[in-house]
Amino acid sequence: MSASSEPAIPDDDPIVLFDGVCNLCNGFVQFLVPRDTDEQFYFASLQSATGQELLAEHGLPTDELESIVLIEGDECYVKSDAVLRIATLLGGIYRLLAPFRFVPRLIRDRVYELVAANRYRLFGKKDRCLVPTGNVQQRFLE
């Protein structure tokens, strides 16, 4: 892929950073892509140069790859906050998750961390990151 065909990192569009070798995380991205009918989300694996750059820019650790991260402009969401914000931006029936933001973050994140800590054992691990195809490839920042 030539440098001119790689998408630039968007300033304001939401970017989802995910563990590129985690089957659960890849499944979440594969779930999200067809439901993102407005094609508003961009994606990058946490392991990629772009993912590492974005984590560093937002003051997040670059060596702890245990969270979905949503970057939206200057805002950055991690763990359960990221999932709830993604659901809100997705709209439709997914907005029904919005009331969960009233559950204390400590409780939401404990559940998130429990799943994250066991994700490889429960869902498996890939040898390499997801390689997108078709028009979706334009929204992957790798």
C-alpha atoms as a PDB file:
ATOM      1  CA  MET A   1       0.000   0.000   0.000  1.00  0.00           C
ATOM      2  CA  SER A   2       1.488   3.338  -0.951  1.00  0.00           C
ATOM      3  CA  ALA A   3       1.663   6.146   1.554  1.00  0.00           C
ATOM      4  CA  SER A   4      -0.828   8.171  -0.487  1.00  0.00           C
ATOM      5  CA  SER A   5      -3.484   5.442  -0.270  1.00  0.00           C
ATOM      6  CA  GLU A   6      -3.253   5.087   3.507  1.00  0.00           C
ATOM      7  CA  PRO A   7      -5.933   7.094   5.272  1.00  0.00           C
ATOM      8  CA  ALA A   8      -4.760  10.040   7.347  1.00  0.00           C
ATOM      9  CA  ILE A   9      -5.582   9.989  11.032  1.00  0.00           C
ATOM     10  CA  PRO A  10      -8.874  11.884  11.288  1.00  0.00           C
ATOM     11  CA  ASP A  11      -9.056  14.833  13.688  1.00  0.00           C
ATOM     12  CA  ASP A  12     -12.668  14.575  14.786  1.00  0.00           C
ATOM     13  CA  ASP A  13     -14.063  11.251  13.569  1.00  0.00           C
ATOM     14  CA  PRO A  14     -14.205   8.543  16.228  1.00  0.00           C
ATOM     15  CA  ILE A  15     -11.341   6.055  16.175  1.00  0.00           C
ATOM     16  CA  VAL A  16     -11.681   2.641  17.803  1.00  0.00           C
ATOM     17  CA  LEU A  17      -8.429   1.117  19.035  1.00  0.00           C
ATOM     18  CA  PHE A  18      -8.629  -2.624  19.680  1.00  0.00           C
ATOM     19  CA  ASP A  19      -6.391  -5.588  20.484  1.00  0.00           C
ATOM     20  CA  GLY A  20      -5.638  -6.842  16.988  1.00  0.00           C
ATOM     21  CA  VAL A  21      -4.817 -10.398  18.018  1.00  0.00           C
ATOM     22  CA  CYS A  22      -7.786 -10.933  20.356  1.00  0.00           C
ATOM     23  CA  ASN A  23     -10.684 -12.895  18.845  1.00  0.00           C
ATOM     24  CA  LEU A  24     -13.203 -11.105  21.087  1.00  0.00           C
ATOM     25  CA  CYS A  25     -11.894  -7.682  20.087  1.00  0.00           C
ATOM     26  CA  ASN A  26     -11.813  -8.599  16.404  1.00  0.00           C
ATOM     27  CA  GLY A  27     -15.343  -9.929  16.756  1.00  0.00           C
ATOM     28  CA  PHE A  28     -16.418  -6.609  18.264  1.00  0.00           C
ATOM     29  CA  VAL A  29     -14.936  -4.730  15.294  1.00  0.00           C
ATOM     30  CA  GLN A  30     -16.577  -7.161  12.841  1.00  0.00           C
ATOM     31  CA  PHE A  31     -19.867  -6.594  14.678  1.00  0.00           C
ATOM     32  CA  LEU A  32     -19.425  -2.820  14.565  1.00  0.00           C
ATOM     33  CA  VAL A  33     -18.436  -2.371  10.909  1.00  0.00           C
ATOM     34  CA  PRO A  34     -21.716  -3.450   9.233  1.00  0.00           C
ATOM     35  CA  ARG A  35     -23.793  -1.589  11.835  1.00  0.00           C
ATOM     36  CA  ASP A  36     -21.865   1.636  11.298  1.00  0.00           C
ATOM     37  CA  THR A  37     -24.035   2.584   8.324  1.00  0.00           C
ATOM     38  CA  ASP A  38     -22.791   6.204   8.452  1.00  0.00           C
ATOM     39  CA  GLU A  39     -19.197   4.909   8.225  1.00  0.00           C
ATOM     40  CA  GLN A  40     -18.209   7.279  11.012  1.00  0.00           C
ATOM     41  CA  PHE A  41     -15.769   4.978  12.821  1.00  0.00           C
ATOM     42  CA  TYR A  42     -12.126   4.455  11.944  1.00  0.00           C
ATOM     43  CA  PHE A  43     -10.149   1.544  13.374  1.00  0.00           C
ATOM     44  CA  ALA A  44      -6.587   0.755  14.396  1.00  0.00           C
ATOM     45  CA  SER A  45      -5.111  -2.081  16.390  1.00  0.00           C
ATOM     46  CA  LEU A  46      -3.443  -1.180  19.655  1.00  0.00           C
ATOM     47  CA  GLN A  47      -0.305  -2.939  18.376  1.00  0.00           C
ATOM     48  CA  SER A  48      -0.022  -0.854  15.200  1.00  0.00           C
ATOM     49  CA  ALA A  49       2.212   2.201  14.843  1.00  0.00           C
ATOM     50  CA  THR A  50      -0.921   4.342  14.525  1.00  0.00           C
ATOM     51  CA  GLY A  51      -2.471   2.790  17.629  1.00  0.00           C
ATOM     52  CA  GLN A  52       0.731   3.308  19.613  1.00  0.00           C
ATOM     53  CA  GLU A  53       0.969   6.924  18.400  1.00  0.00           C
ATOM     54  CA  LEU A  54      -2.629   7.676  19.388  1.00  0.00           C
ATOM     55  CA  LEU A  55      -2.226   6.054  22.810  1.00  0.00           C
ATOM     56  CA  ALA A  56       0.896   8.134  23.484  1.00  0.00           C
ATOM     57  CA  GLU A  57      -0.765  11.343  22.251  1.00  0.00           C
ATOM     58  CA  HIS A  58      -3.597  10.822  24.741  1.00  0.00           C
ATOM     59  CA  GLY A  59      -1.358   9.900  27.663  1.00  0.00           C
ATOM     60  CA  LEU A  60      -2.414   6.245  27.726  1.00  0.00           C
ATOM     61  CA  PRO A  61       0.011   3.367  28.370  1.00  0.00           C
ATOM     62  CA  THR A  62       1.366   1.834  25.175  1.00  0.00           C
ATOM     63  CA  ASP A  63       2.297  -1.482  26.781  1.00  0.00           C
ATOM     64  CA  GLU A  64      -1.035  -2.429  28.380  1.00  0.00           C
ATOM     65  CA  LEU A  65      -3.259  -3.763  25.626  1.00  0.00           C
ATOM     66  CA  GLU A  66      -6.315  -4.707  27.662  1.00  0.00           C
ATOM     67  CA  SER A  67      -8.932  -2.188  26.642  1.00  0.00           C
ATOM     68  CA  ILE A  68     -11.005  -0.994  23.770  1.00  0.00           C
ATOM     69  CA  VAL A  69     -10.172   2.690  23.388  1.00  0.00           C
ATOM     70  CA  LEU A  70     -12.329   5.271  21.652  1.00  0.00           C
ATOM     71  CA  ILE A  71     -10.726   8.520  20.596  1.00  0.00           C
ATOM     72  CA  GLU A  72     -13.141  11.239  19.569  1.00  0.00           C
ATOM     73  CA  GLY A  73     -11.478  14.582  18.913  1.00  0.00           C
ATOM     74  CA  ASP A  74      -9.710  15.522  22.140  1.00  0.00           C
ATOM     75  CA  GLU A  75     -11.810  13.084  24.185  1.00  0.00           C
ATOM     76  CA  CYS A  76     -10.582   9.613  25.007  1.00  0.00           C
ATOM     77  CA  TYR A  77     -12.714   6.769  26.404  1.00  0.00           C
ATOM     78  CA  VAL A  78     -11.454   3.453  27.756  1.00  0.00           C
ATOM     79  CA  LYS A  79     -12.987   0.196  28.969  1.00  0.00           C
ATOM     80  CA  SER A  80     -16.728   0.386  29.669  1.00  0.00           C
ATOM     81  CA  ASP A  81     -16.869   4.118  28.881  1.00  0.00           C
ATOM     82  CA  ALA A  82     -15.585   3.348  25.372  1.00  0.00           C
ATOM     83  CA  VAL A  83     -18.169   0.616  24.798  1.00  0.00           C
ATOM     84  CA  LEU A  84     -21.028   2.815  26.027  1.00  0.00           C
ATOM     85  CA  ARG A  85     -19.903   5.796  23.929  1.00  0.00           C
ATOM     86  CA  ILE A  86     -19.582   3.594  20.832  1.00  0.00           C
ATOM     87  CA  ALA A  87     -23.121   2.283  21.422  1.00  0.00           C
ATOM     88  CA  THR A  88     -24.411   5.849  21.768  1.00  0.00           C
ATOM     89  CA  LEU A  89     -22.698   6.967  18.547  1.00  0.00           C
ATOM     90  CA  LEU A  90     -24.005   3.891  16.738  1.00  0.00           C
ATOM     91  CA  GLY A  91     -27.524   4.976  17.636  1.00  0.00           C
ATOM     92  CA  GLY A  92     -30.665   2.969  17.078  1.00  0.00           C
ATOM     93  CA  ILE A  93     -31.274   0.063  19.410  1.00  0.00           C
ATOM     94  CA  TYR A  94     -27.694   0.298  20.705  1.00  0.00           C
ATOM     95  CA  ARG A  95     -28.603   3.534  22.502  1.00  0.00           C
ATOM     96  CA  LEU A  96     -30.492   1.305  24.938  1.00  0.00           C
ATOM     97  CA  LEU A  97     -27.112   0.660  26.582  1.00  0.00           C
ATOM     98  CA  ALA A  98     -26.847   4.365  27.499  1.00  0.00           C
ATOM     99  CA  PRO A  99     -28.497   4.005  30.948  1.00  0.00           C
ATOM    100  CA  PHE A 100     -25.608   1.747  31.988  1.00  0.00           C
ATOM    101  CA  ARG A 101     -23.513   4.919  32.235  1.00  0.00           C
ATOM    102  CA  PHE A 102     -25.368   5.517  35.518  1.00  0.00           C
ATOM    103  CA  VAL A 103     -23.903   2.305  36.946  1.00  0.00           C
ATOM    104  CA  PRO A 104     -20.770   3.381  38.807  1.00  0.00           C
ATOM    105  CA  ARG A 105     -17.705   3.190  36.569  1.00  0.00           C
ATOM    106  CA  LEU A 106     -15.891   1.123  39.195  1.00  0.00           C
ATOM    107  CA  ILE A 107     -18.501  -1.647  38.866  1.00  0.00           C
ATOM    108  CA  ARG A 108     -18.707  -1.416  35.049  1.00  0.00           C
ATOM    109  CA  ASP A 109     -14.935  -1.494  34.699  1.00  0.00           C
ATOM    110  CA  ARG A 110     -14.563  -4.441  37.095  1.00  0.00           C
ATOM    111  CA  VAL A 111     -16.856  -6.496  34.853  1.00  0.00           C
ATOM    112  CA  TYR A 112     -14.972  -5.243  31.781  1.00  0.00           C
ATOM    113  CA  GLU A 113     -11.605  -6.127  33.383  1.00  0.00           C
ATOM    114  CA  LEU A 114     -12.815  -9.614  34.309  1.00  0.00           C
ATOM    115  CA  VAL A 115     -13.704 -10.317  30.681  1.00  0.00           C
ATOM    116  CA  ALA A 116     -10.510  -8.639  29.411  1.00  0.00           C
ATOM    117  CA  ALA A 117      -8.300 -10.658  31.743  1.00  0.00           C
ATOM    118  CA  ASN A 118      -9.778 -13.909  30.435  1.00  0.00           C
ATOM    119  CA  ARG A 119     -10.409 -12.979  26.801  1.00  0.00           C
ATOM    120  CA  TYR A 120      -7.613 -15.072  25.271  1.00  0.00           C
ATOM    121  CA  ARG A 121      -8.539 -18.120  27.323  1.00  0.00           C
ATOM    122  CA  LEU A 122     -12.269 -17.761  26.599  1.00  0.00           C
ATOM    123  CA  PHE A 123     -12.200 -16.539  22.987  1.00  0.00           C
ATOM    124  CA  GLY A 124      -8.741 -17.399  21.686  1.00  0.00           C
ATOM    125  CA  LYS A 125      -5.977 -15.411  20.082  1.00  0.00           C
ATOM    126  CA  LYS A 126      -4.919 -14.833  16.486  1.00  0.00           C
ATOM    127  CA  ASP A 127      -1.350 -15.033  15.220  1.00  0.00           C
ATOM    128  CA  ARG A 128      -1.712 -11.645  13.557  1.00  0.00           C
ATOM    129  CA  CYS A 129      -3.993  -8.651  13.329  1.00  0.00           C
ATOM    130  CA  LEU A 130      -7.177  -8.563  11.253  1.00  0.00           C
ATOM    131  CA  VAL A 131      -6.590  -7.567   7.635  1.00  0.00           C
ATOM    132  CA  PRO A 132      -9.646  -5.692   6.364  1.00  0.00           C
ATOM    133  CA  THR A 133     -10.842  -5.966   2.795  1.00  0.00           C
ATOM    134  CA  GLY A 134     -13.068  -3.982   0.442  1.00  0.00           C
ATOM    135  CA  ASN A 135     -14.273  -0.486   1.293  1.00  0.00           C
ATOM    136  CA  VAL A 136     -13.765  -1.174   5.010  1.00  0.00           C
ATOM    137  CA  GLN A 137     -10.011  -1.131   4.421  1.00  0.00           C
ATOM    138  CA  GLN A 138     -10.207   2.643   3.903  1.00  0.00           C
ATOM    139  CA  ARG A 139     -11.295   3.059   7.530  1.00  0.00           C
ATOM    140  CA  PHE A 140      -8.402   1.065   9.030  1.00  0.00           C
ATOM    141  CA  LEU A 141      -5.483   3.240  10.076  1.00  0.00           C
ATOM    142  CA  GLU A 142      -2.546   0.847   9.932  1.00  0.00           C
END
